[in-house]
């Protein structure tokens, strides 16, 4: 599965989920133990912008990771626009060449690895937000296939850096979404 071809649908799915988050659920728990819905949204918004900077090879700009984007009117719509810009930036073949960084680090990592992180953020955090707010994630199967490829190939290194939790066992014949979630350290049956 070509990750590049799934960047736009992954961003669209994440944007749809974010646009459906009810204001009254911002303090609700999420499958990410240290984050409520508001903190998870702020994380997703912040790193989506960094994903665009990484694709375009521009220095990251904007507020820091501690900024509360949800305190500003129109935050969900702005995320949808940012997610679209980020996905579009990764459509440029040049974005996939050499190394880049989400943090502005000069050395960086292979661009394809960074693009995979951006896609997986949309999938995993989209699911996190959907289940935390009682919504259906409705992630397209090709997006899930791309996420599976990325998570399966990077799970161990991602765990070493604390980006993924310990694997949660799910049956081999479980739906693809459940397998992606389990491999990423999420319980597919999590409830708020």
C-alpha atoms as a PDB file:
ATOM      1  CA  UNK A   1       0.000   0.000   0.000  1.00  0.00           C
ATOM      2  CA  UNK A   2       1.378   3.380  -1.026  1.00  0.00           C
ATOM      3  CA  UNK A   3       1.300   5.690   1.985  1.00  0.00           C
ATOM      4  CA  UNK A   4       1.363   8.764  -0.254  1.00  0.00           C
ATOM      5  CA  UNK A   5      -1.926   7.772  -1.898  1.00  0.00           C
ATOM      6  CA  UNK A   6      -3.566   7.438   1.523  1.00  0.00           C
ATOM      7  CA  UNK A   7      -2.410  10.730   3.060  1.00  0.00           C
ATOM      8  CA  UNK A   8      -5.389  12.716   1.772  1.00  0.00           C
ATOM      9  CA  UNK A   9      -8.066  10.169   2.772  1.00  0.00           C
ATOM     10  CA  UNK A  10      -6.410   9.750   6.205  1.00  0.00           C
ATOM     11  CA  UNK A  11      -6.414  13.522   6.735  1.00  0.00           C
ATOM     12  CA  UNK A  12     -10.035  13.740   5.587  1.00  0.00           C
ATOM     13  CA  UNK A  13     -11.062  10.994   8.007  1.00  0.00           C
ATOM     14  CA  UNK A  14      -9.256  12.686  10.908  1.00  0.00           C
ATOM     15  CA  UNK A  15     -10.785  16.051   9.989  1.00  0.00           C
ATOM     16  CA  UNK A  16     -14.289  14.572   9.899  1.00  0.00           C
ATOM     17  CA  UNK A  17     -13.785  13.074  13.351  1.00  0.00           C
ATOM     18  CA  UNK A  18     -12.386  16.320  14.789  1.00  0.00           C
ATOM     19  CA  UNK A  19     -15.252  18.325  13.291  1.00  0.00           C
ATOM     20  CA  UNK A  20     -17.693  15.985  15.088  1.00  0.00           C
ATOM     21  CA  UNK A  21     -16.123  16.390  18.554  1.00  0.00           C
ATOM     22  CA  UNK A  22     -18.771  17.936  20.815  1.00  0.00           C
ATOM     23  CA  UNK A  23     -17.575  20.867  22.934  1.00  0.00           C
ATOM     24  CA  UNK A  24     -19.038  19.254  26.046  1.00  0.00           C
ATOM     25  CA  UNK A  25     -16.703  16.251  25.623  1.00  0.00           C
ATOM     26  CA  UNK A  26     -13.403  18.175  25.649  1.00  0.00           C
ATOM     27  CA  UNK A  27     -12.636  17.038  29.202  1.00  0.00           C
ATOM     28  CA  UNK A  28     -13.568  13.381  28.559  1.00  0.00           C
ATOM     29  CA  UNK A  29     -10.951  10.631  28.942  1.00  0.00           C
ATOM     30  CA  UNK A  30      -9.318   9.056  25.883  1.00  0.00           C
ATOM     31  CA  UNK A  31      -7.506   5.773  25.253  1.00  0.00           C
ATOM     32  CA  UNK A  32      -4.290   7.782  25.742  1.00  0.00           C
ATOM     33  CA  UNK A  33      -4.025   7.589  29.545  1.00  0.00           C
ATOM     34  CA  UNK A  34      -2.316  10.952  30.050  1.00  0.00           C
ATOM     35  CA  UNK A  35      -4.614  12.951  27.750  1.00  0.00           C
ATOM     36  CA  UNK A  36      -8.219  14.005  27.819  1.00  0.00           C
ATOM     37  CA  UNK A  37      -9.969  14.930  24.551  1.00  0.00           C
ATOM     38  CA  UNK A  38      -8.709  18.528  24.716  1.00  0.00           C
ATOM     39  CA  UNK A  39      -5.073  17.489  25.221  1.00  0.00           C
ATOM     40  CA  UNK A  40      -5.318  14.924  22.424  1.00  0.00           C
ATOM     41  CA  UNK A  41      -6.830  17.490  20.059  1.00  0.00           C
ATOM     42  CA  UNK A  42      -4.064  19.946  20.883  1.00  0.00           C
ATOM     43  CA  UNK A  43      -1.468  17.247  20.208  1.00  0.00           C
ATOM     44  CA  UNK A  44      -3.038  16.358  16.856  1.00  0.00           C
ATOM     45  CA  UNK A  45      -3.403  19.997  15.785  1.00  0.00           C
ATOM     46  CA  UNK A  46       0.174  20.850  16.753  1.00  0.00           C
ATOM     47  CA  UNK A  47       1.779  17.873  15.016  1.00  0.00           C
ATOM     48  CA  UNK A  48      -0.337  18.188  11.891  1.00  0.00           C
ATOM     49  CA  UNK A  49       1.184  21.615  11.286  1.00  0.00           C
ATOM     50  CA  UNK A  50       4.625  20.145  11.941  1.00  0.00           C
ATOM     51  CA  UNK A  51       3.839  17.477   9.328  1.00  0.00           C
ATOM     52  CA  UNK A  52       3.357  20.165   6.701  1.00  0.00           C
ATOM     53  CA  UNK A  53       6.629  21.853   7.676  1.00  0.00           C
ATOM     54  CA  UNK A  54       8.427  18.515   7.421  1.00  0.00           C
ATOM     55  CA  UNK A  55       7.062  17.864   3.931  1.00  0.00           C
ATOM     56  CA  UNK A  56       7.950  21.363   2.712  1.00  0.00           C
ATOM     57  CA  UNK A  57      11.338  21.431   4.514  1.00  0.00           C
ATOM     58  CA  UNK A  58      10.480  24.713   6.228  1.00  0.00           C
ATOM     59  CA  UNK A  59      11.267  25.557   9.847  1.00  0.00           C
ATOM     60  CA  UNK A  60       8.342  24.829  12.181  1.00  0.00           C
ATOM     61  CA  UNK A  61       6.422  27.934  13.212  1.00  0.00           C
ATOM     62  CA  UNK A  62       3.443  28.735  15.387  1.00  0.00           C
ATOM     63  CA  UNK A  63       2.595  28.195  19.030  1.00  0.00           C
ATOM     64  CA  UNK A  64       4.340  25.570  21.139  1.00  0.00           C
ATOM     65  CA  UNK A  65       3.033  22.161  22.101  1.00  0.00           C
ATOM     66  CA  UNK A  66       1.603  23.567  25.347  1.00  0.00           C
ATOM     67  CA  UNK A  67      -0.757  25.922  23.463  1.00  0.00           C
ATOM     68  CA  UNK A  68      -4.512  25.305  23.842  1.00  0.00           C
ATOM     69  CA  UNK A  69      -5.770  25.477  20.270  1.00  0.00           C
ATOM     70  CA  UNK A  70      -9.260  24.465  21.432  1.00  0.00           C
ATOM     71  CA  UNK A  71      -9.596  27.758  23.322  1.00  0.00           C
ATOM     72  CA  UNK A  72      -9.733  29.604  19.984  1.00  0.00           C
ATOM     73  CA  UNK A  73     -12.970  29.887  17.971  1.00  0.00           C
ATOM     74  CA  UNK A  74     -13.015  27.742  14.837  1.00  0.00           C
ATOM     75  CA  UNK A  75     -10.311  25.356  16.029  1.00  0.00           C
ATOM     76  CA  UNK A  76     -11.923  22.293  14.443  1.00  0.00           C
ATOM     77  CA  UNK A  77     -12.294  23.978  11.051  1.00  0.00           C
ATOM     78  CA  UNK A  78      -8.711  25.234  11.234  1.00  0.00           C
ATOM     79  CA  UNK A  79      -7.541  21.690  11.968  1.00  0.00           C
ATOM     80  CA  UNK A  80      -9.463  20.396   8.937  1.00  0.00           C
ATOM     81  CA  UNK A  81      -7.748  23.025   6.769  1.00  0.00           C
ATOM     82  CA  UNK A  82      -4.336  22.258   8.268  1.00  0.00           C
ATOM     83  CA  UNK A  83      -4.769  18.499   7.853  1.00  0.00           C
ATOM     84  CA  UNK A  84      -5.645  19.069   4.199  1.00  0.00           C
ATOM     85  CA  UNK A  85      -2.599  21.298   3.642  1.00  0.00           C
ATOM     86  CA  UNK A  86      -0.363  18.725   5.326  1.00  0.00           C
ATOM     87  CA  UNK A  87      -1.703  15.852   3.226  1.00  0.00           C
ATOM     88  CA  UNK A  88      -1.348  17.929   0.053  1.00  0.00           C
ATOM     89  CA  UNK A  89       2.239  18.836   0.937  1.00  0.00           C
ATOM     90  CA  UNK A  90       3.066  15.117   1.016  1.00  0.00           C
ATOM     91  CA  UNK A  91       1.726  14.701  -2.527  1.00  0.00           C
ATOM     92  CA  UNK A  92       4.854  16.421  -3.862  1.00  0.00           C
ATOM     93  CA  UNK A  93       7.406  13.718  -4.821  1.00  0.00           C
ATOM     94  CA  UNK A  94      10.177  15.971  -3.470  1.00  0.00           C
ATOM     95  CA  UNK A  95       8.682  15.679   0.013  1.00  0.00           C
ATOM     96  CA  UNK A  96       9.673  12.000   0.026  1.00  0.00           C
ATOM     97  CA  UNK A  97      13.343  12.554  -0.806  1.00  0.00           C
ATOM     98  CA  UNK A  98      16.137  12.448   1.739  1.00  0.00           C
ATOM     99  CA  UNK A  99      15.609  13.239   5.397  1.00  0.00           C
ATOM    100  CA  UNK A 100      13.263  15.620   7.148  1.00  0.00           C
ATOM    101  CA  UNK A 101      12.069  16.345  10.665  1.00  0.00           C
ATOM    102  CA  UNK A 102       8.884  17.134  12.546  1.00  0.00           C
ATOM    103  CA  UNK A 103      10.883  19.139  15.079  1.00  0.00           C
ATOM    104  CA  UNK A 104      13.151  21.131  12.782  1.00  0.00           C
ATOM    105  CA  UNK A 105      16.170  18.970  13.647  1.00  0.00           C
ATOM    106  CA  UNK A 106      18.747  19.372  10.877  1.00  0.00           C
ATOM    107  CA  UNK A 107      19.679  15.672  10.697  1.00  0.00           C
ATOM    108  CA  UNK A 108      16.117  14.357  10.643  1.00  0.00           C
ATOM    109  CA  UNK A 109      14.953  10.924   9.595  1.00  0.00           C
ATOM    110  CA  UNK A 110      14.000   9.384   6.240  1.00  0.00           C
ATOM    111  CA  UNK A 111      11.102  11.349   4.777  1.00  0.00           C
ATOM    112  CA  UNK A 112       9.011   8.222   4.191  1.00  0.00           C
ATOM    113  CA  UNK A 113       9.277   7.363   7.885  1.00  0.00           C
ATOM    114  CA  UNK A 114       8.099  10.872   8.837  1.00  0.00           C
ATOM    115  CA  UNK A 115       5.204  10.665   6.354  1.00  0.00           C
ATOM    116  CA  UNK A 116       4.224   7.366   7.944  1.00  0.00           C
ATOM    117  CA  UNK A 117       4.121   9.032  11.349  1.00  0.00           C
ATOM    118  CA  UNK A 118       1.816  11.732   9.968  1.00  0.00           C
ATOM    119  CA  UNK A 119      -0.551   9.140   8.481  1.00  0.00           C
ATOM    120  CA  UNK A 120      -0.574   6.978  11.614  1.00  0.00           C
ATOM    121  CA  UNK A 121      -1.283  10.045  13.785  1.00  0.00           C
ATOM    122  CA  UNK A 122      -4.441  10.647  11.746  1.00  0.00           C
ATOM    123  CA  UNK A 123      -5.541   7.029  12.091  1.00  0.00           C
ATOM    124  CA  UNK A 124      -4.680   6.350  15.728  1.00  0.00           C
ATOM    125  CA  UNK A 125      -5.643   9.707  17.162  1.00  0.00           C
ATOM    126  CA  UNK A 126      -8.699   9.828  14.914  1.00  0.00           C
ATOM    127  CA  UNK A 127      -9.813   6.541  16.458  1.00  0.00           C
ATOM    128  CA  UNK A 128      -8.892   7.772  19.955  1.00  0.00           C
ATOM    129  CA  UNK A 129     -11.081  10.848  19.510  1.00  0.00           C
ATOM    130  CA  UNK A 130     -13.950   8.935  17.926  1.00  0.00           C
ATOM    131  CA  UNK A 131     -14.247   6.360  20.702  1.00  0.00           C
ATOM    132  CA  UNK A 132     -13.708   8.966  23.429  1.00  0.00           C
ATOM    133  CA  UNK A 133     -16.637  11.000  22.105  1.00  0.00           C
ATOM    134  CA  UNK A 134     -18.969   8.164  21.123  1.00  0.00           C
ATOM    135  CA  UNK A 135     -18.454   8.537  17.384  1.00  0.00           C
ATOM    136  CA  UNK A 136     -17.829   5.988  14.659  1.00  0.00           C
ATOM    137  CA  UNK A 137     -14.242   6.290  13.328  1.00  0.00           C
ATOM    138  CA  UNK A 138     -15.245   5.086   9.812  1.00  0.00           C
ATOM    139  CA  UNK A 139     -11.640   4.869   8.641  1.00  0.00           C
ATOM    140  CA  UNK A 140     -11.348   3.723   5.001  1.00  0.00           C
ATOM    141  CA  UNK A 141      -9.903   0.239   4.486  1.00  0.00           C
ATOM    142  CA  UNK A 142      -7.015   1.428   2.229  1.00  0.00           C
ATOM    143  CA  UNK A 143      -6.028   3.952   4.935  1.00  0.00           C
ATOM    144  CA  UNK A 144      -6.048   1.146   7.498  1.00  0.00           C
ATOM    145  CA  UNK A 145      -3.901  -1.009   5.203  1.00  0.00           C
ATOM    146  CA  UNK A 146      -1.339   1.808   4.909  1.00  0.00           C
ATOM    147  CA  UNK A 147      -1.428   2.350   8.677  1.00  0.00           C
ATOM    148  CA  UNK A 148      -0.925  -1.382   9.260  1.00  0.00           C
ATOM    149  CA  UNK A 149       2.120  -1.404   6.982  1.00  0.00           C
ATOM    150  CA  UNK A 150       3.609   1.572   8.772  1.00  0.00           C
ATOM    151  CA  UNK A 151       2.899   0.366  12.311  1.00  0.00           C
ATOM    152  CA  UNK A 152       4.044  -3.197  11.576  1.00  0.00           C
ATOM    153  CA  UNK A 153       7.349  -1.969  10.155  1.00  0.00           C
ATOM    154  CA  UNK A 154       8.073   0.606  12.872  1.00  0.00           C
ATOM    155  CA  UNK A 155       6.409  -0.709  16.048  1.00  0.00           C
ATOM    156  CA  UNK A 156       9.572  -1.775  17.832  1.00  0.00           C
ATOM    157  CA  UNK A 157      11.526   1.427  17.195  1.00  0.00           C
ATOM    158  CA  UNK A 158       8.416   3.470  18.016  1.00  0.00           C
ATOM    159  CA  UNK A 159       8.088   1.655  21.358  1.00  0.00           C
ATOM    160  CA  UNK A 160      11.727   2.411  22.152  1.00  0.00           C
ATOM    161  CA  UNK A 161      10.979   6.120  21.736  1.00  0.00           C
ATOM    162  CA  UNK A 162       7.739   5.917  23.721  1.00  0.00           C
ATOM    163  CA  UNK A 163       5.542   6.711  20.719  1.00  0.00           C
ATOM    164  CA  UNK A 164       3.636   3.419  21.058  1.00  0.00           C
ATOM    165  CA  UNK A 165       2.650   1.410  24.111  1.00  0.00           C
ATOM    166  CA  UNK A 166       3.138  -2.300  24.682  1.00  0.00           C
ATOM    167  CA  UNK A 167       1.306  -4.430  22.146  1.00  0.00           C
ATOM    168  CA  UNK A 168      -2.234  -5.461  23.099  1.00  0.00           C
ATOM    169  CA  UNK A 169      -2.986  -8.999  21.947  1.00  0.00           C
ATOM    170  CA  UNK A 170      -5.836  -9.304  19.459  1.00  0.00           C
ATOM    171  CA  UNK A 171      -6.835 -12.374  17.437  1.00  0.00           C
ATOM    172  CA  UNK A 172      -5.080 -12.841  14.094  1.00  0.00           C
ATOM    173  CA  UNK A 173      -8.468 -12.850  12.383  1.00  0.00           C
ATOM    174  CA  UNK A 174      -9.637  -9.638  14.073  1.00  0.00           C
ATOM    175  CA  UNK A 175     -10.688  -6.727  11.843  1.00  0.00           C
ATOM    176  CA  UNK A 176      -7.738  -4.779  10.443  1.00  0.00           C
ATOM    177  CA  UNK A 177      -8.524  -1.727  12.590  1.00  0.00           C
ATOM    178  CA  UNK A 178      -8.369  -3.861  15.747  1.00  0.00           C
ATOM    179  CA  UNK A 179      -5.021  -5.311  14.660  1.00  0.00           C
ATOM    180  CA  UNK A 180      -3.596  -1.847  13.956  1.00  0.00           C
ATOM    181  CA  UNK A 181      -4.811  -0.656  17.354  1.00  0.00           C
ATOM    182  CA  UNK A 182      -3.465  -3.677  19.225  1.00  0.00           C
ATOM    183  CA  UNK A 183      -0.069  -3.465  17.548  1.00  0.00           C
ATOM    184  CA  UNK A 184       0.094   0.229  18.439  1.00  0.00           C
ATOM    185  CA  UNK A 185      -0.588  -0.525  22.106  1.00  0.00           C
ATOM    186  CA  UNK A 186      -4.291   0.321  22.162  1.00  0.00           C
ATOM    187  CA  UNK A 187      -7.145  -1.812  23.418  1.00  0.00           C
ATOM    188  CA  UNK A 188      -9.631  -1.988  20.525  1.00  0.00           C
ATOM    189  CA  UNK A 189     -12.429  -2.483  23.077  1.00  0.00           C
ATOM    190  CA  UNK A 190     -11.594   0.598  25.162  1.00  0.00           C
ATOM    191  CA  UNK A 191     -14.603   2.513  26.472  1.00  0.00           C
ATOM    192  CA  UNK A 192     -14.680   5.878  28.277  1.00  0.00           C
END
